[in-house]
Amino acid sequence: MTSWGDASSAGPLFVAIISLLGLILSPLAELLIARLLPRVGPMPRLRARITTAAITALLCGAFAFRFGLEPELLAFLLLAVLGVQLARIDVSLHLLPNPVVLSLLVGAFCSF
C-alpha cells in the first residue's frame, strides 16, 4: 500500500480515467440491480441516477488517487460502485438486498 506522500504518484490522467470508469459503471450497476432484483423496484428517477453516478465517480477518483496501481484498488472500486447503490437503496426503501451485500463480501474476500 502506498503512503499518503506517495499517493500523488497516480497521475491525474489515471485518476480521471478511473473516475470516468465509475461514472460508466454506476448506471450499469443500477440497470443490473433493477433487472436481477425486482423486489428493489424499477430504475430510480433521473435525478437519483445522476447523483449516484456523480458520487460513484468521485469515490472512484479518490480511491485511484489514494491507492494508485495497487491491487487493493479493485476491491475499493467494487466498494464504491456497489456501496453507493446499497446506500441509495437503503435510503429509499430501508432495505439491503442480500445478493448485493454478498457480492461485496465475496469481493472483499477475493482481495486478500
C-alpha atoms as a PDB file:
ATOM      1  CA  MET A   1       0.000   0.000   0.000  1.00  0.00           C
ATOM      2  CA  THR A   2       1.296   3.455  -0.766  1.00  0.00           C
ATOM      3  CA  SER A   3       1.769   6.121   1.870  1.00  0.00           C
ATOM      4  CA  TRP A   4      -0.022   9.450   1.716  1.00  0.00           C
ATOM      5  CA  GLY A   5       3.122  11.112   0.428  1.00  0.00           C
ATOM      6  CA  ASP A   6       3.350   8.683  -2.498  1.00  0.00           C
ATOM      7  CA  ALA A   7      -0.350   8.830  -3.360  1.00  0.00           C
ATOM      8  CA  SER A   8       0.178  11.591  -5.886  1.00  0.00           C
ATOM      9  CA  SER A   9       2.243   9.146  -7.953  1.00  0.00           C
ATOM     10  CA  ALA A  10      -1.083   8.174  -9.540  1.00  0.00           C
ATOM     11  CA  GLY A  11      -1.157  10.731 -12.307  1.00  0.00           C
ATOM     12  CA  PRO A  12      -4.106  12.996 -12.983  1.00  0.00           C
ATOM     13  CA  LEU A  13      -4.881  11.130 -16.197  1.00  0.00           C
ATOM     14  CA  PHE A  14      -5.115   7.824 -14.315  1.00  0.00           C
ATOM     15  CA  VAL A  15      -7.411   9.380 -11.706  1.00  0.00           C
ATOM     16  CA  ALA A  16      -9.591  10.921 -14.439  1.00  0.00           C
ATOM     17  CA  ILE A  17      -9.869   7.605 -16.291  1.00  0.00           C
ATOM     18  CA  ILE A  18     -10.854   5.742 -13.116  1.00  0.00           C
ATOM     19  CA  SER A  19     -13.393   8.481 -12.309  1.00  0.00           C
ATOM     20  CA  LEU A  20     -14.867   8.100 -15.795  1.00  0.00           C
ATOM     21  CA  LEU A  21     -14.988   4.346 -15.239  1.00  0.00           C
ATOM     22  CA  GLY A  22     -17.007   4.946 -12.060  1.00  0.00           C
ATOM     23  CA  LEU A  23     -19.327   7.260 -13.975  1.00  0.00           C
ATOM     24  CA  ILE A  24     -19.954   4.485 -16.515  1.00  0.00           C
ATOM     25  CA  LEU A  25     -20.224   1.605 -14.041  1.00  0.00           C
ATOM     26  CA  SER A  26     -22.808   3.307 -11.826  1.00  0.00           C
ATOM     27  CA  PRO A  27     -25.694   3.236 -14.354  1.00  0.00           C
ATOM     28  CA  LEU A  28     -24.718  -0.285 -15.379  1.00  0.00           C
ATOM     29  CA  ALA A  29     -24.916  -1.405 -11.748  1.00  0.00           C
ATOM     30  CA  GLU A  30     -28.328   0.270 -11.393  1.00  0.00           C
ATOM     31  CA  LEU A  31     -29.598  -1.473 -14.506  1.00  0.00           C
ATOM     32  CA  LEU A  32     -28.279  -4.834 -13.357  1.00  0.00           C
ATOM     33  CA  ILE A  33     -29.807  -4.433  -9.892  1.00  0.00           C
ATOM     34  CA  ALA A  34     -33.169  -3.362 -11.337  1.00  0.00           C
ATOM     35  CA  ARG A  35     -33.283  -6.375 -13.679  1.00  0.00           C
ATOM     36  CA  LEU A  36     -31.990  -9.038 -11.313  1.00  0.00           C
ATOM     37  CA  LEU A  37     -33.728  -7.846  -8.151  1.00  0.00           C
ATOM     38  CA  PRO A  38     -37.344  -6.958  -8.939  1.00  0.00           C
ATOM     39  CA  ARG A  39     -38.052  -6.547  -5.217  1.00  0.00           C
ATOM     40  CA  VAL A  40     -35.940  -3.392  -5.278  1.00  0.00           C
ATOM     41  CA  GLY A  41     -38.263  -1.913  -7.883  1.00  0.00           C
ATOM     42  CA  PRO A  42     -37.665  -0.207 -11.213  1.00  0.00           C
ATOM     43  CA  MET A  43     -34.807   2.098 -12.086  1.00  0.00           C
ATOM     44  CA  PRO A  44     -34.626   5.199  -9.895  1.00  0.00           C
ATOM     45  CA  ARG A  45     -35.579   8.616 -11.196  1.00  0.00           C
ATOM     46  CA  LEU A  46     -33.109  10.545 -13.338  1.00  0.00           C
ATOM     47  CA  ARG A  47     -32.064  12.862 -10.506  1.00  0.00           C
ATOM     48  CA  ALA A  48     -31.132   9.907  -8.276  1.00  0.00           C
ATOM     49  CA  ARG A  49     -29.253   8.218 -11.117  1.00  0.00           C
ATOM     50  CA  ILE A  50     -27.221  11.356 -11.819  1.00  0.00           C
ATOM     51  CA  THR A  51     -26.450  11.817  -8.129  1.00  0.00           C
ATOM     52  CA  THR A  52     -25.328   8.222  -7.610  1.00  0.00           C
ATOM     53  CA  ALA A  53     -23.191   8.343 -10.766  1.00  0.00           C
ATOM     54  CA  ALA A  54     -21.502  11.562  -9.605  1.00  0.00           C
ATOM     55  CA  ILE A  55     -20.835  10.189  -6.111  1.00  0.00           C
ATOM     56  CA  THR A  56     -19.504   6.929  -7.561  1.00  0.00           C
ATOM     57  CA  ALA A  57     -17.193   8.812  -9.932  1.00  0.00           C
ATOM     58  CA  LEU A  58     -15.930  10.984  -7.086  1.00  0.00           C
ATOM     59  CA  LEU A  59     -15.246   7.979  -4.858  1.00  0.00           C
ATOM     60  CA  CYS A  60     -13.538   6.036  -7.647  1.00  0.00           C
ATOM     61  CA  GLY A  61     -11.310   9.012  -8.388  1.00  0.00           C
ATOM     62  CA  ALA A  62     -10.461   9.435  -4.699  1.00  0.00           C
ATOM     63  CA  PHE A  63      -9.588   5.746  -4.382  1.00  0.00           C
ATOM     64  CA  ALA A  64      -7.475   5.906  -7.552  1.00  0.00           C
ATOM     65  CA  PHE A  65      -5.622   8.895  -6.167  1.00  0.00           C
ATOM     66  CA  ARG A  66      -5.083   7.198  -2.819  1.00  0.00           C
ATOM     67  CA  PHE A  67      -4.070   3.712  -3.979  1.00  0.00           C
ATOM     68  CA  GLY A  68      -2.659   4.252  -7.473  1.00  0.00           C
ATOM     69  CA  LEU A  69      -1.996   0.976  -9.274  1.00  0.00           C
ATOM     70  CA  GLU A  70      -2.029  -1.109  -6.091  1.00  0.00           C
ATOM     71  CA  PRO A  71      -4.031  -4.376  -6.165  1.00  0.00           C
ATOM     72  CA  GLU A  72      -6.320  -3.045  -3.412  1.00  0.00           C
ATOM     73  CA  LEU A  73      -7.743  -0.535  -5.869  1.00  0.00           C
ATOM     74  CA  LEU A  74     -10.028  -3.134  -7.465  1.00  0.00           C
ATOM     75  CA  ALA A  75     -11.632  -4.002  -4.130  1.00  0.00           C
ATOM     76  CA  PHE A  76     -12.197  -0.339  -3.332  1.00  0.00           C
ATOM     77  CA  LEU A  77     -13.683   0.331  -6.781  1.00  0.00           C
ATOM     78  CA  LEU A  78     -16.138  -2.510  -6.200  1.00  0.00           C
ATOM     79  CA  LEU A  79     -16.941  -0.983  -2.821  1.00  0.00           C
ATOM     80  CA  ALA A  80     -17.518   2.426  -4.414  1.00  0.00           C
ATOM     81  CA  VAL A  81     -19.810   1.156  -7.177  1.00  0.00           C
ATOM     82  CA  LEU A  82     -21.895  -1.253  -5.107  1.00  0.00           C
ATOM     83  CA  GLY A  83     -21.676   0.691  -1.852  1.00  0.00           C
ATOM     84  CA  VAL A  84     -23.262   3.780  -3.380  1.00  0.00           C
ATOM     85  CA  GLN A  85     -26.018   1.613  -4.861  1.00  0.00           C
ATOM     86  CA  LEU A  86     -26.607  -0.007  -1.471  1.00  0.00           C
ATOM     87  CA  ALA A  87     -26.802   3.409   0.166  1.00  0.00           C
ATOM     88  CA  ARG A  88     -29.331   4.619  -2.415  1.00  0.00           C
ATOM     89  CA  ILE A  89     -31.492   1.528  -1.948  1.00  0.00           C
ATOM     90  CA  ASP A  90     -31.253   1.730   1.825  1.00  0.00           C
ATOM     91  CA  VAL A  91     -32.238   5.403   1.908  1.00  0.00           C
ATOM     92  CA  SER A  92     -35.208   4.938  -0.411  1.00  0.00           C
ATOM     93  CA  LEU A  93     -36.512   1.503   0.668  1.00  0.00           C
ATOM     94  CA  HIS A  94     -34.874   0.774   4.048  1.00  0.00           C
ATOM     95  CA  LEU A  95     -33.670  -2.483   2.542  1.00  0.00           C
ATOM     96  CA  LEU A  96     -30.256  -4.005   1.902  1.00  0.00           C
ATOM     97  CA  PRO A  97     -30.615  -6.690  -0.797  1.00  0.00           C
ATOM     98  CA  ASN A  98     -28.706  -9.825   0.168  1.00  0.00           C
ATOM     99  CA  PRO A  99     -27.289 -10.507  -3.330  1.00  0.00           C
ATOM    100  CA  VAL A 100     -25.636  -7.083  -3.443  1.00  0.00           C
ATOM    101  CA  VAL A 101     -24.282  -7.384   0.095  1.00  0.00           C
ATOM    102  CA  LEU A 102     -22.985 -10.880  -0.622  1.00  0.00           C
ATOM    103  CA  SER A 103     -21.255  -9.723  -3.816  1.00  0.00           C
ATOM    104  CA  LEU A 104     -19.434  -7.088  -1.766  1.00  0.00           C
ATOM    105  CA  LEU A 105     -18.479  -9.749   0.762  1.00  0.00           C
ATOM    106  CA  VAL A 106     -17.126 -12.040  -1.964  1.00  0.00           C
ATOM    107  CA  GLY A 107     -15.219  -9.150  -3.494  1.00  0.00           C
ATOM    108  CA  ALA A 108     -13.669  -8.337  -0.117  1.00  0.00           C
ATOM    109  CA  PHE A 109     -12.574 -11.936   0.441  1.00  0.00           C
ATOM    110  CA  CYS A 110     -11.143 -12.200  -3.077  1.00  0.00           C
ATOM    111  CA  SER A 111      -8.988  -9.127  -2.462  1.00  0.00           C
ATOM    112  CA  PHE A 112      -6.970 -10.874   0.274  1.00  0.00           C
END
